Protein backbone atom coordinates (compact mmCIF):
# COMPACT_ATOMS: atom_id res chain seq x y z
CA MET A 1 60.35 37.50 -129.21
CA LEU A 2 56.10 37.03 -129.54
CA ARG A 3 55.11 37.57 -125.86
CA THR A 4 57.98 40.38 -125.53
CA ARG A 5 56.17 41.95 -127.97
CA LEU A 6 52.23 41.49 -126.75
CA SER A 7 53.57 43.31 -123.42
CA ILE A 8 55.22 45.99 -124.93
CA THR A 9 51.97 46.64 -126.19
CA MET A 10 50.07 46.01 -124.37
CA ALA A 11 51.85 48.17 -121.31
CA PRO A 12 49.70 51.56 -120.31
CA HIS A 13 51.19 54.91 -120.94
CA MET A 14 51.97 56.29 -117.51
CA SER A 15 49.06 58.90 -117.87
CA ASP A 16 46.58 56.34 -118.52
CA ILE A 17 48.00 54.88 -115.06
CA GLN A 18 47.61 58.24 -113.20
CA LYS A 19 44.13 58.82 -115.11
CA MET A 20 43.28 54.82 -113.26
CA ARG A 21 44.50 56.16 -109.91
CA LYS A 22 42.50 58.89 -110.06
CA LEU A 23 39.41 57.62 -111.36
CA GLY A 24 39.26 54.68 -108.16
CA GLY A 25 40.12 57.81 -105.87
CA ASP A 26 37.70 59.77 -106.79
CA LYS A 27 35.13 56.46 -106.76
CA ILE A 28 36.08 56.17 -102.93
CA GLY A 29 35.68 59.48 -102.10
CA LEU A 30 31.91 59.36 -103.49
CA LEU A 31 31.75 56.23 -101.38
CA GLY A 32 33.04 58.05 -98.16
CA LEU A 33 30.68 60.81 -98.88
CA PHE A 34 27.71 58.52 -99.21
CA ALA A 35 28.49 57.07 -96.42
CA LEU A 36 29.05 60.13 -94.06
CA ALA A 37 25.47 61.22 -94.98
CA LEU A 38 23.62 57.74 -93.96
CA LEU A 39 25.77 58.41 -90.68
CA ALA A 40 24.56 61.84 -90.49
CA ALA A 41 21.09 60.81 -91.31
CA ARG A 42 21.39 58.03 -88.81
CA LEU A 43 22.86 60.56 -86.29
CA THR A 44 20.15 63.00 -86.48
CA VAL A 45 17.28 60.33 -86.65
CA ALA A 46 18.98 58.75 -83.31
CA TRP A 47 19.53 62.49 -81.79
CA LYS A 48 15.16 62.96 -82.48
CA SER A 49 14.43 59.62 -81.11
CA ALA A 50 16.56 59.93 -78.32
CA ILE A 51 14.83 62.54 -76.51
CA SER A 52 15.58 63.37 -72.88
CA PHE A 53 13.57 62.72 -70.21
CA SER A 54 13.15 64.55 -66.45
CA GLU A 55 13.38 62.57 -63.21
CA PRO A 56 9.71 61.99 -62.23
CA ILE A 57 7.32 64.66 -61.07
CA PRO A 58 5.70 64.13 -57.83
CA LEU A 59 2.29 65.98 -57.73
CA PRO A 60 1.85 65.76 -54.18
CA HIS A 61 -0.29 64.08 -51.91
CA THR A 62 -1.47 62.62 -54.48
CA GLY A 63 0.31 59.53 -55.19
CA LEU A 64 0.74 60.61 -59.28
CA SER A 65 4.19 61.67 -60.81
CA VAL A 66 5.16 61.60 -64.61
CA SER A 67 8.18 62.65 -66.47
CA MET A 68 7.91 65.14 -69.72
CA PRO A 69 10.79 65.16 -72.65
CA MET A 70 13.93 68.06 -71.26
CA GLY A 71 16.58 68.97 -73.50
CA LYS A 72 17.75 68.29 -76.63
CA GLY A 73 15.36 71.47 -77.70
CA TRP A 74 12.50 70.12 -75.39
CA HIS A 75 11.72 73.01 -72.13
CA SER A 76 9.95 71.87 -68.63
CA GLU A 77 9.17 73.94 -65.74
CA GLY A 78 9.11 70.48 -64.14
CA ARG A 79 6.17 71.36 -62.15
CA TRP A 80 2.56 70.97 -61.60
CA GLU A 81 0.61 74.51 -61.86
CA TYR A 82 -3.31 74.67 -60.82
CA THR A 83 -4.89 76.80 -62.91
CA ASP A 84 -8.89 76.35 -63.53
CA ASN A 85 -9.59 73.88 -60.98
CA THR A 86 -6.72 71.60 -62.22
CA PHE A 87 -3.00 70.61 -62.26
CA ILE A 88 -0.76 70.58 -65.68
CA VAL A 89 2.97 69.94 -66.20
CA ARG A 90 3.80 71.17 -69.22
CA SER A 91 6.96 70.59 -72.12
CA VAL A 92 7.33 72.26 -75.23
CA PHE A 93 9.99 71.25 -78.21
CA ALA A 94 11.55 74.18 -79.75
CA PRO A 95 15.21 73.72 -80.77
CA ARG A 96 15.74 77.51 -82.70
CA SER A 97 13.99 80.74 -81.98
CA GLY A 98 10.60 80.64 -83.26
CA LYS A 99 7.57 79.05 -83.12
CA PRO A 100 7.23 75.31 -81.18
CA THR A 101 6.49 72.10 -83.54
CA ALA A 102 5.79 70.13 -80.75
CA TRP A 103 4.45 70.32 -77.40
CA ALA A 104 2.89 67.43 -74.49
CA HIS A 105 1.44 67.78 -71.46
CA CYS A 106 -0.35 65.99 -68.41
CA GLN A 107 -3.94 67.13 -66.35
CA TYR A 108 -4.51 66.19 -63.65
CA ARG A 109 -8.29 66.76 -62.98
CA LEU A 110 -10.03 67.21 -59.28
CA GLY A 111 -13.79 65.82 -60.83
CA ALA A 112 -14.04 63.24 -63.78
CA ASP A 113 -15.60 63.64 -67.02
CA THR A 114 -18.54 61.23 -66.66
CA ALA A 115 -18.94 60.57 -70.42
CA ALA A 116 -16.81 57.20 -72.14
CA PRO A 117 -13.46 57.38 -73.04
CA ASP A 118 -13.90 57.33 -76.67
CA VAL A 119 -16.63 60.50 -76.41
CA GLN A 120 -14.18 62.01 -74.50
CA LEU A 121 -11.58 61.25 -77.09
CA GLU A 122 -13.84 62.40 -79.92
CA ARG A 123 -14.27 65.74 -78.67
CA LYS A 124 -10.31 65.98 -78.38
CA ALA A 125 -9.98 65.86 -81.94
CA SER A 126 -12.86 67.76 -82.80
CA GLU A 127 -10.69 71.16 -80.51
CA VAL A 128 -7.92 70.56 -82.98
CA ASP A 129 -10.49 69.94 -86.01
CA GLY A 130 -8.56 66.79 -87.05
CA GLU A 131 -9.61 62.95 -87.21
CA ILE A 132 -8.73 59.59 -85.25
CA VAL A 133 -7.26 57.39 -87.39
CA LYS A 134 -6.33 54.87 -84.66
CA THR A 135 -7.33 54.02 -80.74
CA GLY A 136 -6.16 51.75 -78.12
CA GLN A 137 -6.09 50.71 -74.78
CA VAL A 138 -2.55 50.01 -72.44
CA GLN A 139 -2.20 49.99 -69.01
CA ALA A 140 0.40 51.89 -67.22
CA ALA A 141 0.91 52.04 -63.65
CA ASP A 142 -1.57 49.79 -63.11
CA LEU A 143 -3.85 52.00 -64.45
CA THR A 144 -5.96 51.61 -68.06
CA VAL A 145 -5.35 54.53 -70.56
CA HIS A 146 -7.53 54.84 -73.41
CA TRP A 147 -5.96 56.64 -76.08
CA ALA A 148 -6.78 57.57 -79.68
CA ARG A 149 -3.94 59.01 -82.80
CA VAL A 150 -5.76 61.72 -84.58
CA GLU A 151 -4.25 63.81 -87.79
CA ARG A 152 -4.85 66.71 -89.57
CA PRO A 153 -2.76 66.15 -92.95
CA GLU A 154 -3.28 69.50 -94.25
CA ILE A 155 -1.23 71.31 -91.54
CA LEU A 156 0.85 68.08 -90.59
CA LEU A 157 -0.15 67.89 -87.61
CA THR A 158 -0.61 64.57 -85.42
CA THR A 159 -1.54 64.32 -82.23
CA PHE A 160 -1.60 61.62 -79.18
CA SER A 161 -4.69 61.44 -76.57
CA GLY A 162 -5.11 59.37 -73.33
CA THR A 163 -7.56 59.18 -70.93
CA ALA A 164 -7.23 56.92 -67.37
CA ARG A 165 -10.02 57.13 -64.61
CA LEU A 166 -8.36 57.34 -61.12
CA PRO A 167 -9.84 56.60 -57.96
CA ASN A 168 -12.03 58.84 -56.12
CA GLU A 169 -12.92 60.19 -59.44
CA ARG A 170 -10.07 61.45 -60.52
CA GLN A 171 -8.92 61.20 -64.08
CA LEU A 172 -5.67 62.00 -65.85
CA ASP A 173 -5.30 63.31 -69.64
CA ILE A 174 -1.87 63.13 -71.82
CA GLU A 175 -1.67 65.20 -74.74
CA VAL A 176 1.09 65.44 -77.51
CA HIS A 177 0.80 67.45 -80.50
CA GLN A 178 3.24 67.36 -82.97
CA ILE A 179 3.55 69.28 -86.54
CA MET A 180 5.56 69.83 -89.73
CA SER A 181 8.17 67.44 -88.35
CA ASP A 182 8.97 63.89 -87.71
CA PRO A 183 5.57 62.58 -87.74
CA GLU A 184 6.07 59.60 -85.55
CA LEU A 185 7.81 61.71 -82.67
CA SER A 186 4.36 62.35 -80.92
CA GLU A 187 3.96 58.40 -80.81
CA ARG A 188 7.15 58.53 -79.03
CA VAL A 189 6.90 60.90 -76.43
CA PHE A 190 3.32 59.19 -75.74
CA LYS A 191 4.99 56.20 -75.44
CA ARG A 192 7.87 57.30 -73.46
CA ILE A 193 5.64 59.33 -70.59
CA LEU A 194 3.24 55.96 -70.37
CA GLU A 195 6.78 54.67 -69.57
CA GLY A 196 7.31 56.51 -66.73
CA LEU A 197 4.13 57.21 -65.00
CA SER A 198 3.81 56.06 -61.61
CA PHE A 199 0.56 55.91 -59.60
CA LYS A 200 0.14 54.60 -55.96
CA ASP A 201 -3.10 55.53 -54.05
CA ASP A 202 -2.37 57.18 -50.14
CA GLY A 203 -6.50 56.56 -49.48
CA LEU A 204 -5.80 60.66 -48.41
CA LEU A 205 -8.58 61.02 -50.53
CA GLU A 206 -11.12 58.38 -49.99
CA GLY A 207 -10.21 59.46 -45.96
CA GLY A 208 -11.55 62.43 -47.06
CA ALA A 209 -14.21 61.26 -49.42
CA GLU A 210 -15.94 59.21 -46.31
CA VAL A 211 -15.41 62.18 -43.47
CA THR A 212 -17.94 64.10 -46.33
CA ALA A 213 -19.88 61.57 -46.69
CA THR A 214 -20.87 61.07 -43.17
CA ILE A 215 -21.02 65.10 -42.75
CA LYS A 216 -23.00 65.19 -45.07
CA GLY A 217 -25.25 61.89 -44.44
CA LYS A 218 -25.73 62.71 -40.64
CA GLY A 219 -27.26 66.59 -42.17
CA ILE A 220 -25.69 69.63 -40.99
CA ASN A 221 -28.15 70.58 -38.08
CA ASN A 222 -26.83 67.49 -36.24
CA TYR A 223 -23.39 69.46 -35.91
CA LEU A 224 -24.85 72.63 -34.92
CA ASP A 225 -25.76 73.67 -31.08
CA ASN A 226 -29.27 75.53 -30.55
CA HIS A 227 -29.37 75.36 -34.31
CA ASN A 228 -26.86 77.77 -34.75
CA GLN A 229 -23.00 78.17 -34.74
CA GLN A 230 -21.30 81.45 -34.61
CA ALA A 231 -17.39 82.74 -34.68
CA ALA A 232 -15.64 85.99 -34.13
CA PHE A 233 -11.51 86.60 -34.59
CA LEU A 234 -9.36 89.82 -33.90
CA ILE A 235 -6.66 89.59 -37.53
CA LYS A 236 -3.50 90.65 -35.59
CA GLY A 237 -0.04 90.59 -37.57
CA SER A 238 3.07 88.54 -36.64
CA ALA A 239 4.19 91.44 -33.94
CA GLY A 240 0.69 91.74 -32.46
CA GLN A 241 -0.76 94.82 -34.73
CA LEU A 242 -3.87 95.03 -34.99
CA LEU A 243 -5.31 94.43 -39.16
CA GLY A 244 -9.03 93.16 -39.49
CA PHE A 245 -10.72 90.64 -38.22
CA THR A 246 -13.15 87.85 -39.57
CA MET A 247 -17.07 86.95 -38.52
CA ASP A 248 -18.65 83.90 -39.49
CA VAL A 249 -22.64 82.97 -38.39
CA LEU A 250 -24.16 79.13 -39.83
CA VAL A 251 -27.30 78.76 -39.01
CA ASP A 252 -30.31 76.53 -39.39
CA SER A 253 -33.40 77.19 -39.68
CA GLY A 254 -35.31 74.39 -38.28
CA LYS A 255 -38.09 74.55 -41.08
CA ASP A 256 -38.91 72.33 -43.80
CA VAL A 257 -37.71 73.81 -46.32
CA ARG A 258 -35.33 72.92 -49.15
CA LEU A 259 -32.71 75.14 -48.01
CA ASN A 260 -32.82 74.82 -44.43
CA VAL A 261 -28.69 76.26 -43.94
CA ARG A 262 -27.64 79.62 -43.81
CA ALA A 263 -24.54 81.26 -43.91
CA ALA A 264 -23.10 84.31 -44.13
CA GLY A 265 -19.39 85.81 -43.62
CA LEU A 266 -17.52 89.08 -43.50
CA LEU A 267 -13.56 89.54 -43.90
CA TYR A 268 -12.10 92.89 -43.45
CA ILE A 269 -8.67 93.89 -43.84
CA GLY A 270 -7.58 97.38 -43.65
CA GLY A 271 -4.59 99.41 -44.31
CA ARG A 272 -3.60 100.81 -48.09
CA ASN A 273 -4.67 98.42 -49.61
CA ALA A 274 -7.61 97.82 -47.69
CA VAL A 275 -10.20 94.83 -48.71
CA GLU A 276 -13.30 93.63 -47.35
CA GLN A 277 -15.44 90.26 -48.20
CA GLU A 278 -19.05 89.80 -47.70
CA THR A 279 -20.54 86.00 -48.57
CA SER A 280 -23.95 84.45 -47.70
CA PHE A 281 -24.74 80.37 -47.95
CA GLN A 282 -27.82 78.32 -48.68
CA SER A 283 -27.76 75.07 -49.08
CA SER A 284 -29.80 72.02 -48.65
CA ASN A 285 -29.22 69.84 -45.10
CA ASN A 286 -27.00 66.99 -46.42
CA LEU A 287 -25.57 69.80 -49.14
CA ASP A 288 -26.82 68.27 -52.13
CA GLU A 289 -28.01 72.11 -53.51
CA PHE A 290 -25.90 74.61 -52.86
CA THR A 291 -26.22 78.52 -53.28
CA TYR A 292 -22.65 80.31 -52.14
CA ARG A 293 -22.27 84.05 -53.13
CA SER A 294 -19.32 86.89 -52.38
CA GLU A 295 -18.92 90.55 -53.15
CA VAL A 296 -15.27 91.74 -52.60
CA TYR A 297 -14.37 95.80 -52.64
CA SER A 298 -11.05 96.72 -53.15
CA GLY A 299 -8.64 99.41 -54.30
CA GLU A 300 -9.37 97.81 -57.89
CA GLY A 301 -12.95 97.85 -57.42
CA ARG A 302 -16.34 95.54 -57.02
CA SER A 303 -16.12 92.22 -58.24
CA GLY A 304 -18.78 89.46 -57.23
CA SER A 305 -18.94 85.73 -57.75
CA GLU A 306 -21.92 82.70 -57.58
CA VAL A 307 -20.95 79.13 -57.16
CA VAL A 308 -24.39 77.29 -57.84
CA GLN A 309 -24.71 73.43 -57.28
CA ASP A 310 -28.36 72.18 -57.95
CA ALA A 311 -27.44 68.61 -58.91
CA PRO A 312 -24.91 66.31 -56.77
CA GLY A 313 -21.77 66.05 -58.74
CA THR A 314 -21.35 69.56 -60.33
CA VAL A 315 -20.63 72.75 -59.61
CA THR A 316 -21.17 76.43 -62.00
CA VAL A 317 -18.98 79.70 -61.22
CA ARG A 318 -20.25 82.74 -63.02
CA THR A 319 -17.93 86.03 -61.73
CA SER A 320 -19.20 89.73 -62.37
CA GLY A 321 -16.79 92.93 -62.43
CA PRO A 322 -14.26 93.98 -64.90
CA ARG A 323 -14.03 89.75 -66.01
CA THR A 324 -17.50 88.39 -66.53
CA ASP A 325 -17.79 84.65 -66.69
CA ALA A 326 -19.71 81.11 -66.29
CA LYS A 327 -18.23 77.91 -66.06
CA ALA A 328 -18.99 74.47 -65.00
CA TYR A 329 -16.70 72.16 -62.89
CA ARG A 330 -17.55 68.38 -61.61
CA LEU A 331 -17.11 67.26 -58.25
CA GLY A 332 -15.77 64.26 -56.96
CA PRO A 333 -16.75 63.00 -53.90
CA ALA A 334 -14.41 64.82 -51.55
CA ALA A 335 -15.87 68.09 -52.07
CA LEU A 336 -17.07 70.26 -49.53
CA PRO A 337 -17.84 74.18 -49.23
CA ASP A 338 -15.46 75.80 -46.93
CA VAL A 339 -18.04 76.86 -44.69
CA PHE A 340 -18.10 73.04 -43.29
CA PHE A 341 -14.34 72.90 -41.83
CA ASP A 342 -15.58 72.88 -38.73
CA GLN A 343 -17.60 70.09 -39.34
CA VAL A 344 -14.64 68.30 -41.02
CA PHE A 345 -12.70 68.63 -37.60
CA ARG A 346 -15.38 67.36 -35.52
CA GLN A 347 -15.65 64.58 -37.94
CA MET A 348 -11.68 63.38 -37.60
CA LEU A 349 -12.38 63.71 -33.63
CA ASP A 350 -15.39 61.67 -33.55
CA SER A 351 -13.37 58.38 -36.67
CA ASP A 352 -10.22 59.23 -35.32
CA LYS A 353 -8.51 59.81 -38.84
CA GLN A 354 -5.46 61.55 -38.47
CA GLU A 355 -4.49 62.70 -42.64
CA ILE A 356 -7.34 62.93 -44.92
CA ILE A 357 -7.81 65.35 -48.38
CA VAL A 358 -10.15 67.39 -48.52
CA ASP A 359 -11.81 69.23 -52.27
CA ALA A 360 -12.34 73.03 -50.28
CA ILE A 361 -14.82 74.54 -52.19
CA ASP A 362 -14.43 79.22 -51.73
CA ALA A 363 -17.10 81.77 -52.36
CA THR A 364 -15.07 82.48 -55.86
CA GLY A 365 -15.45 78.90 -56.88
CA LYS A 366 -12.36 77.80 -56.70
CA ILE A 367 -11.50 74.11 -55.79
CA THR A 368 -7.91 73.30 -53.85
CA PRO A 369 -7.60 70.22 -52.95
CA THR A 370 -6.28 70.63 -48.89
CA PHE A 371 -4.09 68.11 -46.67
CA VAL A 372 -5.61 68.36 -43.49
CA SER A 373 -3.43 66.30 -40.81
CA ARG A 374 -3.76 66.01 -36.99
CA ILE A 375 -0.84 67.12 -35.10
CA GLU A 376 -0.09 66.91 -31.33
CA ALA A 377 -1.24 69.60 -29.21
CA MET A 378 1.45 71.81 -27.99
CA ASN A 379 1.65 74.42 -25.69
CA ASP A 380 3.95 76.94 -27.39
CA ILE A 381 3.65 80.61 -27.62
CA VAL A 382 1.11 80.42 -30.29
CA ALA A 383 -1.33 77.76 -29.37
CA GLY A 384 -1.60 79.14 -25.61
CA SER A 385 -2.79 76.59 -22.62
CA ASP A 386 -6.15 75.60 -24.17
CA ALA A 387 -5.00 73.59 -26.93
CA ALA A 388 -6.71 70.53 -26.69
CA TYR A 389 -6.20 69.80 -30.48
CA VAL A 390 -4.51 71.33 -33.31
CA PHE A 391 -4.80 70.25 -37.14
CA ASN A 392 -2.43 71.76 -39.75
CA LEU A 393 -3.80 72.61 -43.26
CA ALA A 394 -2.17 73.06 -46.40
CA TYR A 395 -3.28 74.01 -49.27
CA LEU A 396 -1.74 71.95 -52.91
CA ASP A 397 -2.45 74.57 -54.88
CA GLY A 398 0.96 75.69 -55.19
CA ARG A 399 1.22 79.25 -53.32
CA GLY A 400 2.36 78.07 -50.30
CA PHE A 401 -0.55 79.03 -48.11
CA SER A 402 -0.74 76.62 -45.36
CA GLN A 403 -2.82 77.28 -41.69
CA GLN A 404 -2.76 76.29 -38.00
CA VAL A 405 -5.92 75.74 -36.29
CA TYR A 406 -6.10 75.77 -31.76
CA LEU A 407 -9.55 73.46 -30.72
CA ASP A 408 -10.31 73.84 -27.61
CA ALA A 409 -11.91 70.80 -24.96
CA GLN A 410 -15.13 71.25 -26.63
CA GLY A 411 -13.73 70.87 -29.77
CA LYS A 412 -14.00 75.25 -30.88
CA ILE A 413 -11.74 77.30 -32.32
CA TYR A 414 -9.93 79.54 -30.40
CA ARG A 415 -7.04 80.38 -32.24
CA SER A 416 -5.14 80.18 -36.12
CA LEU A 417 -2.35 80.74 -37.73
CA ILE A 418 -2.55 81.61 -40.99
CA GLN A 419 1.40 81.37 -43.15
CA GLN A 420 2.30 82.37 -46.41
CA GLU A 421 4.50 85.14 -47.07
CA ASN A 422 3.65 86.75 -43.72
CA THR A 423 2.46 85.08 -40.82
CA TYR A 424 -1.41 86.15 -39.41
CA VAL A 425 -2.53 85.04 -36.17
CA LEU A 426 -6.72 84.90 -35.57
CA ASP A 427 -7.93 85.54 -32.00
CA ARG A 428 -11.07 84.31 -30.88
CA THR A 429 -13.14 87.18 -29.73
CA SER A 430 -16.46 88.71 -28.94
CA ILE A 431 -18.94 90.36 -31.86
CA GLU A 432 -18.82 93.31 -29.79
CA ASP A 433 -14.98 93.80 -29.36
CA ILE A 434 -14.86 94.30 -32.96
CA VAL A 435 -17.52 96.17 -33.49
CA LYS A 436 -15.57 97.79 -30.37
CA GLU A 437 -12.34 98.15 -32.82
CA PHE A 438 -13.84 99.09 -36.07
CA PRO A 439 -16.92 100.97 -35.17
CA GLU A 440 -17.16 102.28 -38.81
CA HIS A 441 -17.98 98.89 -39.91
CA ALA A 442 -20.73 98.12 -37.29
CA GLU A 443 -24.04 98.31 -39.45
CA ARG A 444 -22.39 95.40 -41.14
CA ILE A 445 -21.16 93.84 -38.79
CA LEU A 446 -24.80 93.59 -36.98
CA ARG A 447 -26.65 92.86 -39.92
CA ASN A 448 -24.17 89.49 -39.86
CA SER A 449 -24.98 88.20 -36.70
CA GLN A 450 -28.76 88.91 -36.73
CA MET A 451 -28.65 86.29 -38.56
CA LEU A 452 -28.96 84.07 -35.26
CA LYS A 453 -32.07 85.32 -34.14
C-alpha cells in the first residue's frame, strides 16, 4: 500500500505533462533555429569564398593569360583593353546596385619600371594613402611575383599589390582592392589570380629586339641609297576611287652632327571629314636620341604632339590642342619609330626571320606592339606581278587594324593594303603625279620633297 500511495502521490498532473512537452519542443525548436543560422552563415561564407573565375584570358602574341573573377557579384568584360600604352583587364565586385566594394585588375606594361620591386610597392601603397603591413614573394607561372598587403583602417580598405618582371623588359602588375566587406576577400582573389596565371615566352618579342638592335647598330645611313629615301603613294578606296595621298622623305645629312637623320611626312585624306597631317623627325644615326613631331588639321581643329627621346629607354610625349598634356613612357628593346619600318622589312629579309613583334612609336607618342610576319608572295589582283616579298602587319591594340605590304625584287614597297572597317589601297607613285592630282597641296608637297636637296 505504501508503494502504491507513493506512486499516486508523485504522479504528475496531466497539465504538467503538457507543459513539460511544450518546453522540450521549444528547446528543440531553438536548437533547430540555431543550427539553421549556423548553416546560413556557413553558406554565406562559402558563397563569398567560392568565387567563380573566368576561363584564361590570353593577351595575343605575348604568351600571357590570366583568369579574372566573374559571376556571383563579379563583373568583367573578359578581355584585355589597350589604353595609355598599357594593356589592362578588369573585374569589379558589385552584387547589388550601388558602388563596388571590391575590384581587381592586371596590367601588362610595355616598358618595365626600373625601380626595385619594394619601391614600386611603396608607390602603390601611397596611391591609396595606405600602409604596407606585410610583404613577400611567390613563384607563379615561372615568374617571381613580389607582393604587399596594404591597409587603410579608417575606410576599411585592404589591398594586395603584386609586380613581376617579364622578359624583354615587359612587366605584369596585379592589384586587388576591397573596402567595407570581407577583409580577406582581396587576399583570396589575389591568390586565385596567381594560381590561374600562365606565361610562356614565344620568342617573338626577342626577335623584334634583335632586329631593332641590328638596325641601330648598323646606323640608319647604312640603309639609305645616296643618303636618302623617298616614297609617295596615292590612297584609293576598295572600288578604286582616289581618296588622298601620303609621302615620306628620309635623309642622312652626311654631316658629323648629333642629329644627322631627318625625315618628313605628309598625309591627306579628302572628303567630308578631310584630314591633313604633317610630321617631322630628327634623330642620331643609332636612334639613341630623336624628336618626332606631328600637326593634324581636321574639322575638329588643329592638334599637335611632340615625342622626345633624349636618353635611351624613355620618351616624353607632349600634346597640344583641345587637350594639353605631358607624359613619360618606358621603352622596351623592341621599340622603334614607325619611320623605320622599311628598314625592319629589309633586316628581316637579311636575317631570314619570319615573325617578330616590334613596338611601333608613332608621331602622337602611341606605342603599339605590332606583329610582323613574312608571308608567301602571291600574284593576286592586289599584289600584281611585281610582288617578290609580302609582309603582314597586325597592330595589337585591339582596333582590328592590319596592313599587308608588297615589296619588289629590290626590297622597295610598291603597294600596301590597309584594312580595318574599310579597305584602302596605297599605290606607289611620283611626287609629280601627286601634284597633278592634288594641285591645291602643291606647296606643301614640294616643301616636304625639298629635304632631298
